[in-house]
Amino acid sequence: MSVIFVVLIPLLMAALLVSLWNVPKGRKIIALIGSAAHALAGVWLLTTVIQSGAVAKNISGWIPPFGIEFRADIFSATLVALASFIGLCVTIYAHSNIDDERTNFGFHPLFFVLLGGISGAFVTADLFNMFVWFECILLSSFVLLGLGGEKKQLRGSLNYVIPNLFSSMLFLTGLGLIYGATGTLNMAQLAERTAQINPSTAALITVVFVTAFGLKAALFPFFSWLPNSYHTPPTAVAALFAGLLTKVGIYAIIRFVGTIAPTTAAAIIPILTIICVLTIVIGSIGALAHTNLRKILGYLLIGHIAFMLLGLIVPTQASMAAAYFYMLNHILVITCLFFFVGIIQWHTGQIDIRKIGGLQAKYPALAVGMAIPTLSLIGIPPFSGFWPKIGLLQAASETPLFFASIIFSSFLTLLAMAKVWMNIFWRAEVTETPEMPPCPTTKALPAYLLAAIILVISLFPAPIADLTNRAASEFAPYFQINRGDQ
């Protein structure tokens, strides 16, 4: 089995489901089978890379820079495996969350195009092909946001697509600049040639790409689109977006600066540090200002996303490993929290914490389940978010501003989630809610499964720490260039 299967399977599933457009029966089952196959391919790829090292495939035998090359190392293969597993969880959740109207308008084909784009972005070895995969992500996610045609969804779609189109324009500009300077867009060849071009030109190119990717990652000052769009679609869509889309932007920044243009890091690290600190502070403060559960999580997502760039700002293997551990954990935690918010909405019909209360007494299992990702997000020991955060704090001790922002964010995250908890779980019921049927198994299963995985990682973090340390070691040239003692 080749690395291309993690891209090919979701795209073939999208084509198959389009061909079955007029055959509504069985589409959800076919989608579930396709998601399971994609998850198995992701696990296979990760297992292969762990055992045998990085794998690569040139399509049709064309050698770079002319052919399309896919390459997976531990850093990218782990993300593909986790993304495919999240995709499977979302497929299960969508069974009772996505109505027939959205299904008939193409939810599942669009979902698989999005998964294919995410997987392609993680394993591509060519910058132009990364642009192509980013466009697959943008187009499919834009339609998924607007699917259903509600006014708030259309508004959210516009909030999402306009800044992301600007990001695509910057990406294309960067492609033109870097190709003009080096004559190639293949990542391996770029890593050899960027050190030979004029330093000011290299710095300009890096700024263009980091800005383009930073916009997709919702870094300061390009973050407002995220909370203004993620609260509008169905929970299955919002959970998928929250878990994976911003991570693609973070991955692209790390891959570009850490692999393609490591010699330019010294010029951009001071600016990147300030951007990350502002992102952390503003996102964390924003969470306190809202009462909509999804907006609270959206701002907390912004407030935590910049932690994942500490491996570039402090160029050591330990900091990169901690940041990568944090990224993997955050994918699980934020997806799980969005799933639980969907369950809360099922029981109460509300996502405004001012209108919800008494859930701990009525649904104790819900309170226990949601407590696990909540405590992990805050970083309370011994939950899974605590272990990478300790590593982040140790690494950030060299950058006092970043260190202070992590402490500040942790405190505000605690306040924001305490506000949520006191309102929806601990206080008495605000208004009498109609008695709802039991939560569908297809909603509960993914949420509690992710909570269980988070709990296992909390108790046994060593295997993930070892994996992320091995992934971080793949950036050894970056550490050597920017910190000679590593």
Protein backbone atom coordinates (compact mmCIF):
# COMPACT_ATOMS: atom_id res chain seq x y z
CA MET A 1 0.00 0.00 0.00
CA SER A 2 1.34 3.44 -0.96
CA VAL A 3 1.29 6.78 0.83
CA ILE A 4 -1.10 8.07 -1.83
CA PHE A 5 -3.93 5.92 -0.46
CA VAL A 6 -4.53 8.33 2.42
CA VAL A 7 -5.38 10.91 -0.25
CA LEU A 8 -6.91 8.62 -2.83
CA ILE A 9 -9.45 6.88 -0.58
CA PRO A 10 -11.40 10.01 0.46
CA LEU A 11 -11.33 11.41 -3.08
CA LEU A 12 -12.61 8.12 -4.51
CA MET A 13 -15.31 8.06 -1.84
CA ALA A 14 -16.35 11.58 -2.82
CA ALA A 15 -16.64 10.50 -6.46
CA LEU A 16 -18.57 7.36 -5.52
CA LEU A 17 -21.04 9.28 -3.38
CA VAL A 18 -21.59 11.84 -6.14
CA SER A 19 -22.39 8.97 -8.52
CA LEU A 20 -24.96 7.75 -5.98
CA TRP A 21 -26.57 11.19 -5.67
CA ASN A 22 -29.99 9.87 -6.73
CA VAL A 23 -29.70 6.74 -4.60
CA PRO A 24 -30.23 8.07 -1.07
CA LYS A 25 -30.44 4.69 0.66
CA GLY A 26 -27.15 3.49 2.02
CA ARG A 27 -25.16 6.71 1.56
CA LYS A 28 -24.45 7.05 5.27
CA ILE A 29 -23.33 3.42 5.49
CA ILE A 30 -21.06 3.85 2.47
CA ALA A 31 -19.63 7.01 4.03
CA LEU A 32 -18.95 5.12 7.27
CA ILE A 33 -17.16 2.35 5.38
CA GLY A 34 -15.11 4.93 3.48
CA SER A 35 -14.16 6.75 6.68
CA ALA A 36 -13.14 3.48 8.32
CA ALA A 37 -11.00 2.60 5.29
CA HIS A 38 -9.37 6.03 5.42
CA ALA A 39 -8.65 5.63 9.14
CA LEU A 40 -7.09 2.21 8.54
CA ALA A 41 -4.94 3.68 5.76
CA GLY A 42 -3.83 6.44 8.13
CA VAL A 43 -2.90 3.95 10.86
CA TRP A 44 -1.08 1.79 8.30
CA LEU A 45 0.91 4.80 7.08
CA LEU A 46 1.91 5.79 10.61
CA THR A 47 2.91 2.22 11.49
CA THR A 48 5.00 1.94 8.32
CA VAL A 49 6.79 5.22 8.96
CA ILE A 50 7.50 4.36 12.60
CA GLN A 51 8.95 0.98 11.63
CA SER A 52 10.73 1.82 8.37
CA GLY A 53 11.26 5.58 8.27
CA ALA A 54 9.87 8.18 5.88
CA VAL A 55 8.08 6.94 2.76
CA ALA A 56 7.69 8.73 -0.58
CA LYS A 57 5.88 8.17 -3.86
CA ASN A 58 6.28 9.90 -7.22
CA ILE A 59 3.08 9.73 -9.26
CA SER A 60 3.57 7.93 -12.62
CA GLY A 61 7.30 7.78 -12.07
CA TRP A 62 7.93 11.44 -12.87
CA ILE A 63 10.85 12.65 -10.79
CA PRO A 64 10.76 15.99 -8.92
CA PRO A 65 10.32 18.79 -9.65
CA PHE A 66 8.18 17.71 -12.63
CA GLY A 67 6.14 14.98 -10.97
CA ILE A 68 3.68 15.04 -8.10
CA GLU A 69 5.46 13.72 -5.03
CA PHE A 70 3.94 12.58 -1.76
CA ARG A 71 6.11 12.07 1.29
CA ALA A 72 5.30 11.12 4.87
CA ASP A 73 7.57 11.27 7.90
CA ILE A 74 6.53 10.76 11.52
CA PHE A 75 5.51 14.41 11.84
CA SER A 76 3.07 14.29 8.92
CA ALA A 77 2.00 10.63 9.21
CA THR A 78 0.86 11.10 12.81
CA LEU A 79 -1.31 14.04 11.77
CA VAL A 80 -2.78 12.05 8.87
CA ALA A 81 -3.59 9.11 11.15
CA LEU A 82 -5.22 11.37 13.73
CA ALA A 83 -7.10 13.38 11.08
CA SER A 84 -8.48 10.20 9.51
CA PHE A 85 -9.60 8.96 12.93
CA ILE A 86 -11.30 12.29 13.65
CA GLY A 87 -12.95 11.96 10.24
CA LEU A 88 -14.33 8.56 11.27
CA CYS A 89 -15.69 10.00 14.53
CA VAL A 90 -17.32 12.88 12.65
CA THR A 91 -18.90 10.45 10.17
CA ILE A 92 -20.48 8.53 13.05
CA TYR A 93 -21.63 11.74 14.75
CA ALA A 94 -23.05 13.08 11.48
CA HIS A 95 -25.38 10.08 11.19
CA SER A 96 -27.82 11.73 13.62
CA ASN A 97 -26.59 15.32 13.30
CA ILE A 98 -26.81 15.96 9.56
CA ASP A 99 -30.40 16.04 8.35
CA ASP A 100 -31.68 14.58 5.08
CA GLU A 101 -31.75 17.99 3.40
CA ARG A 102 -28.02 18.54 3.93
CA THR A 103 -27.32 14.93 3.00
CA ASN A 104 -29.23 15.38 -0.26
CA PHE A 105 -27.28 18.56 -1.00
CA GLY A 106 -23.98 16.70 -0.90
CA PHE A 107 -22.70 16.70 2.66
CA HIS A 108 -20.81 13.42 2.36
CA PRO A 109 -19.00 14.09 -0.96
CA LEU A 110 -17.94 17.51 0.35
CA PHE A 111 -16.83 15.95 3.62
CA PHE A 112 -14.58 13.49 1.79
CA VAL A 113 -13.13 16.19 -0.46
CA LEU A 114 -12.26 18.09 2.71
CA LEU A 115 -10.64 15.01 4.26
CA GLY A 116 -8.72 14.39 1.05
CA GLY A 117 -7.51 17.99 1.03
CA ILE A 118 -6.37 17.80 4.65
CA SER A 119 -4.54 14.51 4.07
CA GLY A 120 -3.00 15.84 0.86
CA ALA A 121 -1.74 18.98 2.60
CA PHE A 122 -0.05 16.85 5.26
CA VAL A 123 1.77 14.49 2.87
CA THR A 124 2.52 16.63 -0.18
CA ALA A 125 6.19 17.24 -0.94
CA ASP A 126 5.56 20.14 -3.28
CA LEU A 127 4.45 23.69 -2.46
CA PHE A 128 2.24 24.06 -5.51
CA ASN A 129 0.41 20.86 -4.67
CA MET A 130 -0.01 22.13 -1.13
CA PHE A 131 -1.75 25.14 -2.66
CA VAL A 132 -4.03 22.78 -4.61
CA TRP A 133 -4.92 20.88 -1.44
CA PHE A 134 -5.54 24.13 0.41
CA GLU A 135 -8.00 25.11 -2.30
CA CYS A 136 -9.77 21.75 -1.98
CA ILE A 137 -10.08 22.46 1.73
CA LEU A 138 -11.29 26.01 1.16
CA LEU A 139 -13.94 25.19 -1.44
CA SER A 140 -15.38 22.17 0.36
CA SER A 141 -15.37 23.86 3.77
CA PHE A 142 -17.03 26.97 2.35
CA VAL A 143 -19.91 24.92 0.95
CA LEU A 144 -20.16 22.82 4.13
CA LEU A 145 -20.50 26.01 6.17
CA GLY A 146 -23.34 27.28 4.00
CA LEU A 147 -25.07 23.94 3.52
CA GLY A 148 -28.65 24.40 4.66
CA GLY A 149 -28.97 27.98 3.47
CA GLU A 150 -29.81 29.54 6.83
CA LYS A 151 -29.05 33.25 7.12
CA LYS A 152 -26.55 32.79 9.96
CA GLN A 153 -24.77 30.08 7.97
CA LEU A 154 -24.45 32.23 4.88
CA ARG A 155 -23.08 35.06 7.01
CA GLY A 156 -20.65 32.65 8.64
CA SER A 157 -19.59 31.35 5.22
CA LEU A 158 -18.75 34.87 4.05
CA ASN A 159 -16.83 35.58 7.26
CA TYR A 160 -14.84 32.44 6.53
CA VAL A 161 -14.24 32.59 2.80
CA ILE A 162 -13.20 36.24 2.31
CA PRO A 163 -10.08 36.17 4.53
CA ASN A 164 -9.22 32.69 3.28
CA LEU A 165 -9.37 33.89 -0.33
CA PHE A 166 -6.92 36.62 0.66
CA SER A 167 -4.73 33.89 2.14
CA SER A 168 -4.86 32.00 -1.16
CA MET A 169 -3.81 35.15 -3.01
CA LEU A 170 -0.82 35.54 -0.70
CA PHE A 171 0.02 31.86 -1.15
CA LEU A 172 0.07 32.28 -4.94
CA THR A 173 2.22 35.38 -4.61
CA GLY A 174 4.66 33.44 -2.46
CA LEU A 175 4.76 30.62 -5.00
CA GLY A 176 5.69 33.06 -7.74
CA LEU A 177 8.40 34.67 -5.62
CA ILE A 178 10.00 31.45 -4.47
CA TYR A 179 9.88 29.83 -7.91
CA GLY A 180 11.44 32.91 -9.45
CA ALA A 181 14.23 32.81 -6.86
CA THR A 182 14.93 29.06 -6.87
CA GLY A 183 13.44 27.55 -10.03
CA THR A 184 11.59 24.81 -8.13
CA LEU A 185 8.63 24.21 -5.84
CA ASN A 186 9.71 20.78 -4.59
CA MET A 187 10.24 21.00 -0.84
CA ALA A 188 13.43 18.93 -0.73
CA GLN A 189 15.02 21.00 -3.49
CA LEU A 190 13.82 24.23 -1.89
CA ALA A 191 15.51 23.23 1.38
CA GLU A 192 18.81 23.10 -0.53
CA ARG A 193 18.34 26.28 -2.55
CA THR A 194 16.75 28.80 -0.18
CA ALA A 195 20.02 29.16 1.71
CA GLN A 196 21.68 30.31 -1.53
CA ILE A 197 19.34 33.18 -2.40
CA ASN A 198 19.59 36.77 -1.22
CA PRO A 199 18.78 36.92 2.54
CA SER A 200 16.37 39.85 2.17
CA THR A 201 14.54 38.05 -0.64
CA ALA A 202 14.38 34.87 1.44
CA ALA A 203 13.01 36.82 4.41
CA LEU A 204 10.35 38.48 2.23
CA ILE A 205 9.28 35.12 0.82
CA THR A 206 9.06 33.65 4.32
CA VAL A 207 6.95 36.56 5.57
CA VAL A 208 4.53 36.12 2.65
CA PHE A 209 4.12 32.40 3.29
CA VAL A 210 3.87 32.71 7.07
CA THR A 211 1.22 35.41 6.66
CA ALA A 212 -0.76 33.22 4.25
CA PHE A 213 -0.57 30.20 6.53
CA GLY A 214 -1.07 32.27 9.67
CA LEU A 215 -4.35 33.56 8.30
CA LYS A 216 -5.54 29.98 7.83
CA ALA A 217 -4.39 29.17 11.36
CA ALA A 218 -6.31 32.19 12.76
CA LEU A 219 -3.23 33.89 14.19
CA PHE A 220 -3.33 37.57 15.20
CA PRO A 221 -4.49 39.80 13.58
CA PHE A 222 -6.40 37.48 11.22
CA PHE A 223 -8.47 35.56 13.76
CA SER A 224 -11.94 37.13 13.83
CA TRP A 225 -13.26 34.94 11.01
CA LEU A 226 -13.01 31.80 13.16
CA PRO A 227 -15.43 32.53 16.04
CA ASN A 228 -17.75 34.32 13.61
CA SER A 229 -18.08 31.24 11.41
CA TYR A 230 -17.56 28.12 13.55
CA HIS A 231 -20.71 28.70 15.61
CA THR A 232 -23.05 28.52 12.60
CA PRO A 233 -22.85 25.02 11.00
CA PRO A 234 -24.09 21.70 12.42
CA THR A 235 -22.00 20.30 15.25
CA ALA A 236 -20.39 17.61 13.08
CA VAL A 237 -19.03 20.25 10.70
CA ALA A 238 -17.94 22.62 13.48
CA ALA A 239 -16.13 19.81 15.33
CA LEU A 240 -14.26 18.78 12.18
CA PHE A 241 -13.26 22.36 11.44
CA ALA A 242 -12.19 23.10 15.03
CA GLY A 243 -10.15 19.94 15.29
CA LEU A 244 -8.32 20.02 11.97
CA LEU A 245 -8.51 23.14 9.81
CA THR A 246 -6.38 25.52 11.86
CA LYS A 247 -3.86 22.70 12.42
CA VAL A 248 -3.28 22.56 8.66
CA GLY A 249 -2.18 26.20 8.78
CA ILE A 250 0.09 25.52 11.78
CA TYR A 251 1.55 22.47 10.04
CA ALA A 252 2.29 24.54 6.93
CA ILE A 253 4.11 27.21 8.96
CA ILE A 254 6.22 24.61 10.77
CA ARG A 255 6.96 22.72 7.56
CA PHE A 256 7.91 25.87 5.64
CA VAL A 257 10.07 27.55 8.27
CA GLY A 258 11.40 24.35 9.81
CA THR A 259 12.21 22.49 6.60
CA ILE A 260 12.20 24.76 3.55
CA ALA A 261 13.57 28.04 4.89
CA PRO A 262 15.30 27.44 8.23
CA THR A 263 17.93 30.10 7.53
CA THR A 264 15.27 32.83 7.59
CA ALA A 265 14.01 31.95 11.07
CA ALA A 266 16.26 34.42 12.87
CA ALA A 267 14.68 37.28 10.92
CA ILE A 268 11.07 36.34 11.67
CA ILE A 269 11.20 34.78 15.15
CA PRO A 270 10.90 38.13 17.02
CA ILE A 271 7.84 39.09 14.96
CA LEU A 272 6.38 35.59 15.22
CA THR A 273 6.81 35.66 18.99
CA ILE A 274 4.82 38.89 19.30
CA ILE A 275 2.11 37.57 16.97
CA CYS A 276 1.81 34.36 18.99
CA VAL A 277 1.64 36.19 22.31
CA LEU A 278 -1.06 38.56 21.03
CA THR A 279 -3.01 35.60 19.62
CA ILE A 280 -2.84 33.81 22.96
CA VAL A 281 -3.87 36.86 25.00
CA ILE A 282 -6.68 38.12 22.75
CA GLY A 283 -8.15 34.67 22.15
CA SER A 284 -8.21 33.89 25.86
CA ILE A 285 -9.81 37.24 26.74
CA GLY A 286 -12.40 36.78 23.97
CA ALA A 287 -13.57 33.52 25.54
CA LEU A 288 -14.54 35.38 28.73
CA ALA A 289 -16.63 37.91 26.83
CA HIS A 290 -19.11 35.43 25.31
CA THR A 291 -21.94 33.23 26.50
CA ASN A 292 -22.41 31.19 23.30
CA LEU A 293 -20.74 27.83 23.97
CA ARG A 294 -19.37 27.50 20.46
CA LYS A 295 -17.98 31.04 20.46
CA ILE A 296 -16.32 30.38 23.81
CA LEU A 297 -14.64 27.29 22.38
CA GLY A 298 -13.78 29.20 19.20
CA TYR A 299 -11.92 31.88 21.13
CA LEU A 300 -10.21 29.29 23.32
CA LEU A 301 -9.12 27.57 20.12
CA ILE A 302 -7.52 30.85 19.02
CA GLY A 303 -5.99 31.34 22.46
CA HIS A 304 -4.27 27.95 22.33
CA ILE A 305 -3.31 27.64 18.66
CA ALA A 306 -0.13 29.71 18.99
CA PHE A 307 1.30 27.31 21.61
CA MET A 308 1.98 24.97 18.71
CA LEU A 309 4.58 27.29 17.17
CA LEU A 310 6.88 27.33 20.19
CA GLY A 311 9.08 24.72 18.51
CA LEU A 312 10.04 27.36 15.94
CA ILE A 313 10.39 30.25 18.39
CA VAL A 314 12.61 28.26 20.77
CA PRO A 315 14.56 26.08 18.30
CA THR A 316 15.16 22.96 20.37
CA GLN A 317 13.99 19.40 20.00
CA ALA A 318 12.35 19.52 23.43
CA SER A 319 10.25 22.57 22.57
CA MET A 320 9.21 21.14 19.20
CA ALA A 321 8.24 17.84 20.84
CA ALA A 322 6.17 19.62 23.50
CA ALA A 323 4.45 21.83 20.91
CA TYR A 324 3.69 18.81 18.72
CA PHE A 325 2.32 16.84 21.68
CA TYR A 326 0.14 19.84 22.46
CA MET A 327 -1.12 19.96 18.86
CA LEU A 328 -2.11 16.29 18.83
CA ASN A 329 -3.81 16.56 22.21
CA HIS A 330 -5.63 19.73 21.20
CA ILE A 331 -7.09 18.04 18.12
CA LEU A 332 -8.66 15.40 20.36
CA VAL A 333 -9.75 17.79 23.10
CA ILE A 334 -11.38 20.53 21.03
CA THR A 335 -13.18 18.01 18.79
CA CYS A 336 -14.45 16.19 21.87
CA LEU A 337 -15.69 19.44 23.44
CA PHE A 338 -17.60 20.39 20.30
CA PHE A 339 -19.21 16.93 20.31
CA PHE A 340 -20.33 17.42 23.91
CA VAL A 341 -21.69 20.88 23.10
CA GLY A 342 -23.78 19.18 20.43
CA ILE A 343 -25.12 16.74 23.02
CA ILE A 344 -25.96 19.65 25.34
CA GLN A 345 -27.80 21.32 22.48
CA TRP A 346 -29.70 18.07 21.85
CA HIS A 347 -30.88 17.91 25.48
CA THR A 348 -31.67 21.61 25.94
CA GLY A 349 -32.11 23.15 22.50
CA GLN A 350 -29.67 25.88 23.61
CA ILE A 351 -25.98 26.77 23.33
CA ASP A 352 -26.22 30.01 25.35
CA ILE A 353 -24.97 29.27 28.86
CA ARG A 354 -27.35 31.87 30.33
CA LYS A 355 -30.27 29.69 29.27
CA ILE A 356 -28.91 26.33 30.45
CA GLY A 357 -28.69 24.92 33.97
CA GLY A 358 -29.05 21.83 36.13
CA LEU A 359 -27.39 19.41 33.71
CA GLN A 360 -25.22 17.71 36.32
CA ALA A 361 -28.28 16.52 38.21
CA LYS A 362 -30.18 15.50 35.08
CA TYR A 363 -27.30 14.04 33.06
CA PRO A 364 -24.41 13.06 35.36
CA ALA A 365 -22.72 10.97 32.66
CA LEU A 366 -22.61 14.05 30.43
CA ALA A 367 -20.94 16.04 33.22
CA VAL A 368 -18.32 13.34 33.80
CA GLY A 369 -17.64 12.91 30.09
CA MET A 370 -17.27 16.61 29.38
CA ALA A 371 -15.09 17.12 32.46
CA ILE A 372 -12.28 15.06 30.91
CA PRO A 373 -11.60 17.26 27.83
CA THR A 374 -12.35 20.38 29.88
CA LEU A 375 -9.68 19.60 32.48
CA SER A 376 -7.28 18.63 29.71
CA LEU A 377 -7.86 21.92 27.90
CA ILE A 378 -7.12 23.85 31.08
CA GLY A 379 -4.03 21.73 31.75
CA ILE A 380 -4.98 20.40 35.17
CA PRO A 381 -2.71 17.53 36.29
CA PRO A 382 -2.71 14.68 35.49
CA PHE A 383 -4.90 15.22 32.43
CA SER A 384 -3.40 15.02 28.97
CA GLY A 385 -3.07 18.76 28.43
CA PHE A 386 -0.84 19.05 31.50
CA TRP A 387 2.06 16.99 30.13
CA PRO A 388 2.80 19.00 26.97
CA LYS A 389 2.09 22.26 28.81
CA ILE A 390 4.86 21.47 31.30
CA GLY A 391 7.20 20.96 28.35
CA LEU A 392 6.03 24.22 26.80
CA LEU A 393 6.67 26.13 30.01
CA GLN A 394 10.14 24.65 30.35
CA ALA A 395 10.98 25.62 26.77
CA ALA A 396 9.34 29.05 27.06
CA SER A 397 11.46 29.90 30.11
CA GLU A 398 13.97 31.21 27.56
CA THR A 399 11.31 33.59 26.23
CA PRO A 400 9.72 35.30 29.27
CA LEU A 401 6.98 36.96 27.23
CA PHE A 402 5.81 33.63 25.82
CA PHE A 403 6.11 32.02 29.25
CA ALA A 404 3.90 34.71 30.79
CA SER A 405 1.34 34.38 27.99
CA ILE A 406 1.03 30.62 28.58
CA ILE A 407 0.38 31.20 32.30
CA PHE A 408 -2.08 33.99 31.48
CA SER A 409 -3.92 31.84 28.93
CA SER A 410 -4.14 28.90 31.33
CA PHE A 411 -5.68 31.15 34.00
CA LEU A 412 -8.23 32.65 31.60
CA THR A 413 -9.07 29.22 30.19
CA LEU A 414 -9.77 28.11 33.76
CA LEU A 415 -12.03 31.13 34.30
CA ALA A 416 -13.86 30.66 30.98
CA MET A 417 -14.54 26.96 31.53
CA ALA A 418 -15.45 27.56 35.19
CA LYS A 419 -18.04 30.07 33.97
CA VAL A 420 -19.40 27.45 31.57
CA TRP A 421 -19.42 24.77 34.24
CA MET A 422 -21.09 26.84 36.93
CA ASN A 423 -23.84 27.92 34.56
CA ILE A 424 -24.75 24.75 32.74
CA PHE A 425 -23.94 22.05 35.30
CA TRP A 426 -23.88 23.37 38.85
CA ARG A 427 -26.70 25.89 39.07
CA ALA A 428 -30.38 25.02 39.07
CA GLU A 429 -32.30 24.65 35.84
CA VAL A 430 -33.03 28.11 34.44
CA THR A 431 -36.11 27.31 32.39
CA GLU A 432 -37.98 24.08 32.16
CA THR A 433 -36.80 22.29 29.04
CA PRO A 434 -38.99 19.87 27.12
CA GLU A 435 -38.27 16.21 27.75
CA MET A 436 -36.12 14.98 24.88
CA PRO A 437 -35.62 11.36 23.82
CA PRO A 438 -32.30 9.81 24.88
CA CYS A 439 -29.25 11.12 23.06
CA PRO A 440 -28.68 9.02 19.92
CA THR A 441 -25.87 6.50 20.22
CA THR A 442 -24.22 7.95 17.13
CA LYS A 443 -23.89 11.28 18.95
CA ALA A 444 -22.75 9.86 22.27
CA LEU A 445 -20.29 7.25 20.98
CA PRO A 446 -17.74 9.61 19.33
CA ALA A 447 -17.84 12.06 22.26
CA TYR A 448 -17.30 9.46 24.97
CA LEU A 449 -14.78 7.54 22.83
CA LEU A 450 -12.62 10.66 22.46
CA ALA A 451 -13.01 11.38 26.18
CA ALA A 452 -11.82 7.85 26.95
CA ILE A 453 -8.79 8.26 24.65
CA ILE A 454 -7.94 11.57 26.33
CA LEU A 455 -8.16 9.84 29.72
CA VAL A 456 -5.85 7.03 28.57
CA ILE A 457 -3.30 9.57 27.29
CA SER A 458 -3.60 11.39 30.62
CA LEU A 459 -2.66 8.25 32.53
CA PHE A 460 -0.09 6.94 30.04
CA PRO A 461 1.51 9.91 28.25
CA ALA A 462 4.90 8.26 27.65
CA PRO A 463 4.12 6.61 24.26
CA ILE A 464 2.82 9.91 22.83
CA ALA A 465 5.78 11.78 24.30
CA ASP A 466 8.16 9.30 22.67
CA LEU A 467 6.36 9.60 19.33
CA THR A 468 6.41 13.40 19.38
CA ASN A 469 10.08 13.41 20.37
CA ARG A 470 10.89 11.26 17.35
CA ALA A 471 8.83 13.58 15.15
CA ALA A 472 10.67 16.61 16.54
CA SER A 473 14.04 15.01 15.77
CA GLU A 474 13.17 15.26 12.07
CA PHE A 475 13.76 19.01 12.36
CA ALA A 476 17.36 18.59 13.56
CA PRO A 477 18.80 20.75 10.71
CA TYR A 478 16.53 23.63 11.81
CA PHE A 479 17.78 23.37 15.38
CA GLN A 480 21.41 23.18 14.25
CA ILE A 481 21.10 26.23 12.02
CA ASN A 482 19.29 28.39 14.56
CA ARG A 483 20.87 27.04 17.73
CA GLY A 484 24.29 25.58 17.18
CA ASP A 485 24.43 23.78 20.51
CA GLN A 486 21.64 21.37 19.56
